[in-house]
Amino acid sequence: MSRKLPGIYQFREYALAGGLLSYGAHLADAYRQFGVYAADILKGAKPGDLPVQQVVKFEMVINLRTAKAIGFEFPATFSARADEVIE
């Protein structure tokens, strides 16, 4: 924090650890999809015959403590769109 550079990350754990913002795939949802895909393969489906999967659920986490520490303020409308706000 000595240089007060904001960090924006892909995974929510970074925002929980002090990063300014994270926006990326909801990992629990992605792992659930991977599990279904793997189950289909274990049941005998050929991987080449299965459709390509893409994560459809994304989440944004804002760390207001970090924002305050670097002197940054998010607009209220932006904060309202976040899935989680750390205060």
PDB file of N, CA and C in Angstrom:
ATOM      1  N   MET A   1       0.811  -1.209   0.000  1.00  0.00           N
ATOM      2  CA  MET A   1       0.000   0.000   0.000  1.00  0.00           C
ATOM      3  C   MET A   1       0.850   1.267   0.000  1.00  0.00           C
ATOM      4  N   SER A   2       2.160   1.112   0.016  1.00  0.00           N
ATOM      5  CA  SER A   2       3.007   2.296   0.092  1.00  0.00           C
ATOM      6  C   SER A   2       2.901   3.170  -1.151  1.00  0.00           C
ATOM      7  N   ARG A   3       2.590   2.578  -2.298  1.00  0.00           N
ATOM      8  CA  ARG A   3       2.491   3.371  -3.528  1.00  0.00           C
ATOM      9  C   ARG A   3       1.058   3.732  -3.875  1.00  0.00           C
ATOM     10  N   LYS A   4       0.116   3.151  -3.181  1.00  0.00           N
ATOM     11  CA  LYS A   4      -1.310   3.440  -3.358  1.00  0.00           C
ATOM     12  C   LYS A   4      -1.776   3.229  -4.791  1.00  0.00           C
ATOM     13  N   LEU A   5      -1.359   2.105  -5.375  1.00  0.00           N
ATOM     14  CA  LEU A   5      -1.803   1.749  -6.713  1.00  0.00           C
ATOM     15  C   LEU A   5      -2.989   0.799  -6.588  1.00  0.00           C
ATOM     16  N   PRO A   6      -4.082   1.101  -7.250  1.00  0.00           N
ATOM     17  CA  PRO A   6      -5.242   0.207  -7.158  1.00  0.00           C
ATOM     18  C   PRO A   6      -4.993  -1.094  -7.916  1.00  0.00           C
ATOM     19  N   GLY A   7      -5.477  -2.173  -7.342  1.00  0.00           N
ATOM     20  CA  GLY A   7      -5.342  -3.470  -8.001  1.00  0.00           C
ATOM     21  C   GLY A   7      -6.718  -4.002  -8.368  1.00  0.00           C
ATOM     22  N   ILE A   8      -6.873  -4.383  -9.609  1.00  0.00           N
ATOM     23  CA  ILE A   8      -8.122  -4.967 -10.083  1.00  0.00           C
ATOM     24  C   ILE A   8      -7.798  -6.384 -10.537  1.00  0.00           C
ATOM     25  N   TYR A   9      -8.568  -7.336 -10.013  1.00  0.00           N
ATOM     26  CA  TYR A   9      -8.222  -8.737 -10.182  1.00  0.00           C
ATOM     27  C   TYR A   9      -9.359  -9.546 -10.786  1.00  0.00           C
ATOM     28  N   GLN A  10      -9.032 -10.779 -11.151  1.00  0.00           N
ATOM     29  CA  GLN A  10     -10.000 -11.672 -11.767  1.00  0.00           C
ATOM     30  C   GLN A  10     -10.765 -12.488 -10.726  1.00  0.00           C
ATOM     31  N   PHE A  11     -10.164 -12.755  -9.577  1.00  0.00           N
ATOM     32  CA  PHE A  11     -10.783 -13.621  -8.587  1.00  0.00           C
ATOM     33  C   PHE A  11     -11.153 -12.845  -7.331  1.00  0.00           C
ATOM     34  N   ARG A  12     -12.302 -13.176  -6.746  1.00  0.00           N
ATOM     35  CA  ARG A  12     -12.840 -12.477  -5.589  1.00  0.00           C
ATOM     36  C   ARG A  12     -11.913 -12.542  -4.385  1.00  0.00           C
ATOM     37  N   GLU A  13     -11.119 -13.595  -4.263  1.00  0.00           N
ATOM     38  CA  GLU A  13     -10.226 -13.745  -3.116  1.00  0.00           C
ATOM     39  C   GLU A  13      -9.218 -12.604  -3.015  1.00  0.00           C
ATOM     40  N   TYR A  14      -8.834 -12.053  -4.153  1.00  0.00           N
ATOM     41  CA  TYR A  14      -7.901 -10.924  -4.138  1.00  0.00           C
ATOM     42  C   TYR A  14      -8.550  -9.674  -3.558  1.00  0.00           C
ATOM     43  N   ALA A  15      -9.792  -9.427  -3.882  1.00  0.00           N
ATOM     44  CA  ALA A  15     -10.499  -8.288  -3.297  1.00  0.00           C
ATOM     45  C   ALA A  15     -10.701  -8.505  -1.804  1.00  0.00           C
ATOM     46  N   LEU A  16     -10.977  -9.732  -1.412  1.00  0.00           N
ATOM     47  CA  LEU A  16     -11.131 -10.037   0.011  1.00  0.00           C
ATOM     48  C   LEU A  16      -9.822  -9.834   0.762  1.00  0.00           C
ATOM     49  N   ALA A  17      -8.700 -10.029   0.079  1.00  0.00           N
ATOM     50  CA  ALA A  17      -7.381  -9.886   0.691  1.00  0.00           C
ATOM     51  C   ALA A  17      -6.855  -8.453   0.652  1.00  0.00           C
ATOM     52  N   GLY A  18      -7.614  -7.516   0.066  1.00  0.00           N
ATOM     53  CA  GLY A  18      -7.186  -6.123   0.067  1.00  0.00           C
ATOM     54  C   GLY A  18      -7.109  -5.463  -1.296  1.00  0.00           C
ATOM     55  N   GLY A  19      -7.370  -6.198  -2.363  1.00  0.00           N
ATOM     56  CA  GLY A  19      -7.400  -5.586  -3.691  1.00  0.00           C
ATOM     57  C   GLY A  19      -8.589  -4.644  -3.818  1.00  0.00           C
ATOM     58  N   LEU A  20      -8.506  -3.704  -4.691  1.00  0.00           N
ATOM     59  CA  LEU A  20      -9.559  -2.703  -4.851  1.00  0.00           C
ATOM     60  C   LEU A  20     -10.841  -3.307  -5.425  1.00  0.00           C
ATOM     61  N   LEU A  21     -10.721  -4.138  -6.442  1.00  0.00           N
ATOM     62  CA  LEU A  21     -11.889  -4.614  -7.162  1.00  0.00           C
ATOM     63  C   LEU A  21     -11.577  -5.961  -7.796  1.00  0.00           C
ATOM     64  N   SER A  22     -12.582  -6.807  -7.875  1.00  0.00           N
ATOM     65  CA  SER A  22     -12.427  -8.039  -8.651  1.00  0.00           C
ATOM     66  C   SER A  22     -13.663  -8.214  -9.511  1.00  0.00           C
ATOM     67  N   TYR A  23     -13.427  -8.703 -10.710  1.00  0.00           N
ATOM     68  CA  TYR A  23     -14.523  -9.016 -11.625  1.00  0.00           C
ATOM     69  C   TYR A  23     -14.109 -10.225 -12.432  1.00  0.00           C
ATOM     70  N   GLY A  24     -14.868 -11.278 -12.286  1.00  0.00           N
ATOM     71  CA  GLY A  24     -14.520 -12.487 -13.018  1.00  0.00           C
ATOM     72  C   GLY A  24     -15.570 -13.551 -12.832  1.00  0.00           C
ATOM     73  N   ALA A  25     -15.253 -14.717 -13.333  1.00  0.00           N
ATOM     74  CA  ALA A  25     -16.183 -15.842 -13.276  1.00  0.00           C
ATOM     75  C   ALA A  25     -16.451 -16.238 -11.832  1.00  0.00           C
ATOM     76  N   HIS A  26     -17.696 -16.608 -11.558  1.00  0.00           N
ATOM     77  CA  HIS A  26     -18.071 -17.140 -10.251  1.00  0.00           C
ATOM     78  C   HIS A  26     -17.526 -18.563 -10.213  1.00  0.00           C
ATOM     79  N   LEU A  27     -16.474 -18.784  -9.432  1.00  0.00           N
ATOM     80  CA  LEU A  27     -15.755 -20.052  -9.491  1.00  0.00           C
ATOM     81  C   LEU A  27     -16.596 -21.243  -9.053  1.00  0.00           C
ATOM     82  N   ALA A  28     -17.435 -21.084  -8.049  1.00  0.00           N
ATOM     83  CA  ALA A  28     -18.265 -22.207  -7.608  1.00  0.00           C
ATOM     84  C   ALA A  28     -19.178 -22.663  -8.749  1.00  0.00           C
ATOM     85  N   ASP A  29     -19.729 -21.723  -9.468  1.00  0.00           N
ATOM     86  CA  ASP A  29     -20.587 -22.048 -10.601  1.00  0.00           C
ATOM     87  C   ASP A  29     -19.784 -22.728 -11.716  1.00  0.00           C
ATOM     88  N   ALA A  30     -18.578 -22.224 -11.960  1.00  0.00           N
ATOM     89  CA  ALA A  30     -17.721 -22.811 -12.996  1.00  0.00           C
ATOM     90  C   ALA A  30     -17.337 -24.240 -12.623  1.00  0.00           C
ATOM     91  N   TYR A  31     -16.982 -24.459 -11.369  1.00  0.00           N
ATOM     92  CA  TYR A  31     -16.600 -25.815 -10.939  1.00  0.00           C
ATOM     93  C   TYR A  31     -17.782 -26.771 -11.032  1.00  0.00           C
ATOM     94  N   ARG A  32     -18.957 -26.286 -10.757  1.00  0.00           N
ATOM     95  CA  ARG A  32     -20.160 -27.105 -10.888  1.00  0.00           C
ATOM     96  C   ARG A  32     -20.339 -27.536 -12.352  1.00  0.00           C
ATOM     97  N   GLN A  33     -20.152 -26.605 -13.277  1.00  0.00           N
ATOM     98  CA  GLN A  33     -20.248 -26.930 -14.703  1.00  0.00           C
ATOM     99  C   GLN A  33     -19.175 -27.936 -15.101  1.00  0.00           C
ATOM    100  N   PHE A  34     -17.964 -27.767 -14.583  1.00  0.00           N
ATOM    101  CA  PHE A  34     -16.879 -28.706 -14.893  1.00  0.00           C
ATOM    102  C   PHE A  34     -17.225 -30.106 -14.406  1.00  0.00           C
ATOM    103  N   GLY A  35     -17.839 -30.177 -13.228  1.00  0.00           N
ATOM    104  CA  GLY A  35     -18.230 -31.460 -12.670  1.00  0.00           C
ATOM    105  C   GLY A  35     -19.255 -32.176 -13.534  1.00  0.00           C
ATOM    106  N   VAL A  36     -20.233 -31.442 -14.030  1.00  0.00           N
ATOM    107  CA  VAL A  36     -21.250 -32.025 -14.907  1.00  0.00           C
ATOM    108  C   VAL A  36     -20.596 -32.519 -16.193  1.00  0.00           C
ATOM    109  N   TYR A  37     -19.685 -31.738 -16.721  1.00  0.00           N
ATOM    110  CA  TYR A  37     -18.968 -32.101 -17.948  1.00  0.00           C
ATOM    111  C   TYR A  37     -18.158 -33.377 -17.733  1.00  0.00           C
ATOM    112  N   ALA A  38     -17.440 -33.421 -16.613  1.00  0.00           N
ATOM    113  CA  ALA A  38     -16.628 -34.606 -16.300  1.00  0.00           C
ATOM    114  C   ALA A  38     -17.517 -35.831 -16.099  1.00  0.00           C
ATOM    115  N   ALA A  39     -18.671 -35.652 -15.456  1.00  0.00           N
ATOM    116  CA  ALA A  39     -19.595 -36.766 -15.236  1.00  0.00           C
ATOM    117  C   ALA A  39     -20.089 -37.330 -16.567  1.00  0.00           C
ATOM    118  N   ASP A  40     -20.360 -36.448 -17.518  1.00  0.00           N
ATOM    119  CA  ASP A  40     -20.795 -36.917 -18.845  1.00  0.00           C
ATOM    120  C   ASP A  40     -19.713 -37.772 -19.501  1.00  0.00           C
ATOM    121  N   ILE A  41     -18.464 -37.357 -19.359  1.00  0.00           N
ATOM    122  CA  ILE A  41     -17.348 -38.107 -19.943  1.00  0.00           C
ATOM    123  C   ILE A  41     -17.202 -39.457 -19.240  1.00  0.00           C
ATOM    124  N   LEU A  42     -17.334 -39.452 -17.925  1.00  0.00           N
ATOM    125  CA  LEU A  42     -17.217 -40.710 -17.174  1.00  0.00           C
ATOM    126  C   LEU A  42     -18.366 -41.669 -17.480  1.00  0.00           C
ATOM    127  N   LYS A  43     -19.497 -41.127 -17.907  1.00  0.00           N
ATOM    128  CA  LYS A  43     -20.631 -41.970 -18.283  1.00  0.00           C
ATOM    129  C   LYS A  43     -20.501 -42.517 -19.699  1.00  0.00           C
ATOM    130  N   GLY A  44     -19.430 -42.136 -20.399  1.00  0.00           N
ATOM    131  CA  GLY A  44     -19.177 -42.697 -21.713  1.00  0.00           C
ATOM    132  C   GLY A  44     -19.286 -41.744 -22.882  1.00  0.00           C
ATOM    133  N   ALA A  45     -19.650 -40.494 -22.651  1.00  0.00           N
ATOM    134  CA  ALA A  45     -19.741 -39.537 -23.759  1.00  0.00           C
ATOM    135  C   ALA A  45     -18.338 -39.225 -24.282  1.00  0.00           C
ATOM    136  N   LYS A  46     -18.247 -39.049 -25.559  1.00  0.00           N
ATOM    137  CA  LYS A  46     -16.964 -38.684 -26.153  1.00  0.00           C
ATOM    138  C   LYS A  46     -16.762 -37.181 -25.969  1.00  0.00           C
ATOM    139  N   PRO A  47     -15.616 -36.766 -25.460  1.00  0.00           N
ATOM    140  CA  PRO A  47     -15.376 -35.332 -25.242  1.00  0.00           C
ATOM    141  C   PRO A  47     -15.568 -34.502 -26.509  1.00  0.00           C
ATOM    142  N   GLY A  48     -15.222 -35.048 -27.665  1.00  0.00           N
ATOM    143  CA  GLY A  48     -15.378 -34.320 -28.925  1.00  0.00           C
ATOM    144  C   GLY A  48     -16.823 -34.098 -29.319  1.00  0.00           C
ATOM    145  N   ASP A  49     -17.727 -34.902 -28.742  1.00  0.00           N
ATOM    146  CA  ASP A  49     -19.147 -34.764 -29.061  1.00  0.00           C
ATOM    147  C   ASP A  49     -19.877 -33.802 -28.125  1.00  0.00           C
ATOM    148  N   LEU A  50     -19.240 -33.424 -27.018  1.00  0.00           N
ATOM    149  CA  LEU A  50     -19.883 -32.533 -26.048  1.00  0.00           C
ATOM    150  C   LEU A  50     -19.746 -31.079 -26.498  1.00  0.00           C
ATOM    151  N   PRO A  51     -20.742 -30.265 -26.197  1.00  0.00           N
ATOM    152  CA  PRO A  51     -20.654 -28.854 -26.577  1.00  0.00           C
ATOM    153  C   PRO A  51     -19.598 -28.121 -25.743  1.00  0.00           C
ATOM    154  N   VAL A  52     -19.040 -27.090 -26.314  1.00  0.00           N
ATOM    155  CA  VAL A  52     -18.082 -26.261 -25.588  1.00  0.00           C
ATOM    156  C   VAL A  52     -18.839 -25.497 -24.508  1.00  0.00           C
ATOM    157  N   GLN A  53     -18.314 -25.527 -23.295  1.00  0.00           N
ATOM    158  CA  GLN A  53     -18.957 -24.853 -22.169  1.00  0.00           C
ATOM    159  C   GLN A  53     -18.267 -23.518 -21.908  1.00  0.00           C
ATOM    160  N   GLN A  54     -19.040 -22.555 -21.487  1.00  0.00           N
ATOM    161  CA  GLN A  54     -18.490 -21.258 -21.107  1.00  0.00           C
ATOM    162  C   GLN A  54     -19.187 -20.801 -19.841  1.00  0.00           C
ATOM    163  N   VAL A  55     -18.429 -20.207 -18.941  1.00  0.00           N
ATOM    164  CA  VAL A  55     -19.006 -19.708 -17.707  1.00  0.00           C
ATOM    165  C   VAL A  55     -19.987 -18.587 -18.041  1.00  0.00           C
ATOM    166  N   VAL A  56     -21.149 -18.619 -17.410  1.00  0.00           N
ATOM    167  CA  VAL A  56     -22.156 -17.605 -17.703  1.00  0.00           C
ATOM    168  C   VAL A  56     -22.421 -16.685 -16.511  1.00  0.00           C
ATOM    169  N   LYS A  57     -21.921 -17.041 -15.345  1.00  0.00           N
ATOM    170  CA  LYS A  57     -22.163 -16.211 -14.161  1.00  0.00           C
ATOM    171  C   LYS A  57     -20.863 -15.523 -13.756  1.00  0.00           C
ATOM    172  N   PHE A  58     -20.902 -14.208 -13.703  1.00  0.00           N
ATOM    173  CA  PHE A  58     -19.755 -13.408 -13.307  1.00  0.00           C
ATOM    174  C   PHE A  58     -20.115 -12.628 -12.046  1.00  0.00           C
ATOM    175  N   GLU A  59     -19.099 -12.241 -11.284  1.00  0.00           N
ATOM    176  CA  GLU A  59     -19.366 -11.478 -10.067  1.00  0.00           C
ATOM    177  C   GLU A  59     -18.353 -10.345  -9.916  1.00  0.00           C
ATOM    178  N   MET A  60     -18.817  -9.264  -9.287  1.00  0.00           N
ATOM    179  CA  MET A  60     -17.957  -8.119  -9.018  1.00  0.00           C
ATOM    180  C   MET A  60     -17.937  -7.870  -7.518  1.00  0.00           C
ATOM    181  N   VAL A  61     -16.729  -7.750  -6.973  1.00  0.00           N
ATOM    182  CA  VAL A  61     -16.547  -7.478  -5.550  1.00  0.00           C
ATOM    183  C   VAL A  61     -15.752  -6.185  -5.431  1.00  0.00           C
ATOM    184  N   ILE A  62     -16.265  -5.254  -4.638  1.00  0.00           N
ATOM    185  CA  ILE A  62     -15.601  -3.964  -4.421  1.00  0.00           C
ATOM    186  C   ILE A  62     -15.144  -3.898  -2.973  1.00  0.00           C
ATOM    187  N   ASN A  63     -13.903  -3.485  -2.765  1.00  0.00           N
ATOM    188  CA  ASN A  63     -13.357  -3.328  -1.423  1.00  0.00           C
ATOM    189  C   ASN A  63     -13.300  -1.832  -1.102  1.00  0.00           C
ATOM    190  N   LEU A  64     -14.291  -1.360  -0.336  1.00  0.00           N
ATOM    191  CA  LEU A  64     -14.356   0.067  -0.011  1.00  0.00           C
ATOM    192  C   LEU A  64     -13.282   0.480   0.991  1.00  0.00           C
ATOM    193  N   ARG A  65     -12.814  -0.473   1.819  1.00  0.00           N
ATOM    194  CA  ARG A  65     -11.722  -0.152   2.755  1.00  0.00           C
ATOM    195  C   ARG A  65     -10.464   0.224   1.974  1.00  0.00           C
ATOM    196  N   THR A  66     -10.161  -0.531   0.939  1.00  0.00           N
ATOM    197  CA  THR A  66      -8.989  -0.233   0.117  1.00  0.00           C
ATOM    198  C   THR A  66      -9.190   1.079  -0.639  1.00  0.00           C
ATOM    199  N   ALA A  67     -10.391   1.297  -1.148  1.00  0.00           N
ATOM    200  CA  ALA A  67     -10.681   2.545  -1.865  1.00  0.00           C
ATOM    201  C   ALA A  67     -10.462   3.747  -0.950  1.00  0.00           C
ATOM    202  N   LYS A  68     -10.931   3.635   0.284  1.00  0.00           N
ATOM    203  CA  LYS A  68     -10.762   4.742   1.242  1.00  0.00           C
ATOM    204  C   LYS A  68      -9.286   4.963   1.553  1.00  0.00           C
ATOM    205  N   ALA A  69      -8.520   3.866   1.675  1.00  0.00           N
ATOM    206  CA  ALA A  69      -7.097   3.975   1.997  1.00  0.00           C
ATOM    207  C   ALA A  69      -6.308   4.687   0.912  1.00  0.00           C
ATOM    208  N   ILE A  70      -6.724   4.568  -0.348  1.00  0.00           N
ATOM    209  CA  ILE A  70      -5.987   5.238  -1.437  1.00  0.00           C
ATOM    210  C   ILE A  70      -6.663   6.535  -1.873  1.00  0.00           C
ATOM    211  N   GLY A  71      -7.755   6.893  -1.189  1.00  0.00           N
ATOM    212  CA  GLY A  71      -8.425   8.158  -1.501  1.00  0.00           C
ATOM    213  C   GLY A  71      -9.292   8.099  -2.740  1.00  0.00           C
ATOM    214  N   PHE A  72      -9.857   6.939  -3.013  1.00  0.00           N
ATOM    215  CA  PHE A  72     -10.706   6.766  -4.191  1.00  0.00           C
ATOM    216  C   PHE A  72     -12.142   6.524  -3.747  1.00  0.00           C
ATOM    217  N   GLU A  73     -13.084   7.082  -4.495  1.00  0.00           N
ATOM    218  CA  GLU A  73     -14.495   6.881  -4.173  1.00  0.00           C
ATOM    219  C   GLU A  73     -15.229   6.376  -5.411  1.00  0.00           C
ATOM    220  N   PHE A  74     -15.924   5.246  -5.241  1.00  0.00           N
ATOM    221  CA  PHE A  74     -16.729   4.700  -6.326  1.00  0.00           C
ATOM    222  C   PHE A  74     -18.045   5.454  -6.412  1.00  0.00           C
ATOM    223  N   PRO A  75     -18.564   5.705  -7.605  1.00  0.00           N
ATOM    224  CA  PRO A  75     -19.905   6.278  -7.726  1.00  0.00           C
ATOM    225  C   PRO A  75     -20.930   5.325  -7.108  1.00  0.00           C
ATOM    226  N   ALA A  76     -21.969   5.869  -6.510  1.00  0.00           N
ATOM    227  CA  ALA A  76     -22.995   5.056  -5.849  1.00  0.00           C
ATOM    228  C   ALA A  76     -23.646   4.066  -6.816  1.00  0.00           C
ATOM    229  N   THR A  77     -23.846   4.476  -8.058  1.00  0.00           N
ATOM    230  CA  THR A  77     -24.477   3.579  -9.031  1.00  0.00           C
ATOM    231  C   THR A  77     -23.577   2.389  -9.359  1.00  0.00           C
ATOM    232  N   PHE A  78     -22.273   2.609  -9.349  1.00  0.00           N
ATOM    233  CA  PHE A  78     -21.324   1.522  -9.607  1.00  0.00           C
ATOM    234  C   PHE A  78     -21.315   0.547  -8.439  1.00  0.00           C
ATOM    235  N   SER A  79     -21.280   1.076  -7.237  1.00  0.00           N
ATOM    236  CA  SER A  79     -21.288   0.217  -6.037  1.00  0.00           C
ATOM    237  C   SER A  79     -22.576  -0.584  -5.943  1.00  0.00           C
ATOM    238  N   ALA A  80     -23.675  -0.004  -6.383  1.00  0.00           N
ATOM    239  CA  ALA A  80     -24.964  -0.698  -6.316  1.00  0.00           C
ATOM    240  C   ALA A  80     -25.000  -1.905  -7.251  1.00  0.00           C
ATOM    241  N   ARG A  81     -24.187  -1.909  -8.284  1.00  0.00           N
ATOM    242  CA  ARG A  81     -24.176  -3.029  -9.230  1.00  0.00           C
ATOM    243  C   ARG A  81     -23.288  -4.186  -8.777  1.00  0.00           C
ATOM    244  N   ALA A  82     -22.497  -3.965  -7.733  1.00  0.00           N
ATOM    245  CA  ALA A  82     -21.580  -4.998  -7.259  1.00  0.00           C
ATOM    246  C   ALA A  82     -22.356  -6.151  -6.605  1.00  0.00           C
ATOM    247  N   ASP A  83     -21.807  -7.358  -6.746  1.00  0.00           N
ATOM    248  CA  ASP A  83     -22.389  -8.508  -6.091  1.00  0.00           C
ATOM    249  C   ASP A  83     -22.062  -8.516  -4.592  1.00  0.00           C
ATOM    250  N   GLU A  84     -20.909  -7.943  -4.263  1.00  0.00           N
ATOM    251  CA  GLU A  84     -20.497  -7.868  -2.861  1.00  0.00           C
ATOM    252  C   GLU A  84     -19.682  -6.603  -2.670  1.00  0.00           C
ATOM    253  N   VAL A  85     -19.920  -5.915  -1.548  1.00  0.00           N
ATOM    254  CA  VAL A  85     -19.175  -4.706  -1.201  1.00  0.00           C
ATOM    255  C   VAL A  85     -18.567  -4.919   0.170  1.00  0.00           C
ATOM    256  N   ILE A  86     -17.258  -4.814   0.259  1.00  0.00           N
ATOM    257  CA  ILE A  86     -16.549  -4.967   1.526  1.00  0.00           C
ATOM    258  C   ILE A  86     -16.395  -3.576   2.129  1.00  0.00           C
ATOM    259  N   GLU A  87     -16.907  -3.409   3.330  1.00  0.00           N
ATOM    260  CA  GLU A  87     -16.852  -2.076   3.962  1.00  0.00           C
ATOM    261  C   GLU A  87     -15.895  -2.021   5.105  1.00  0.00           C
TER     262      GLU A  87
END
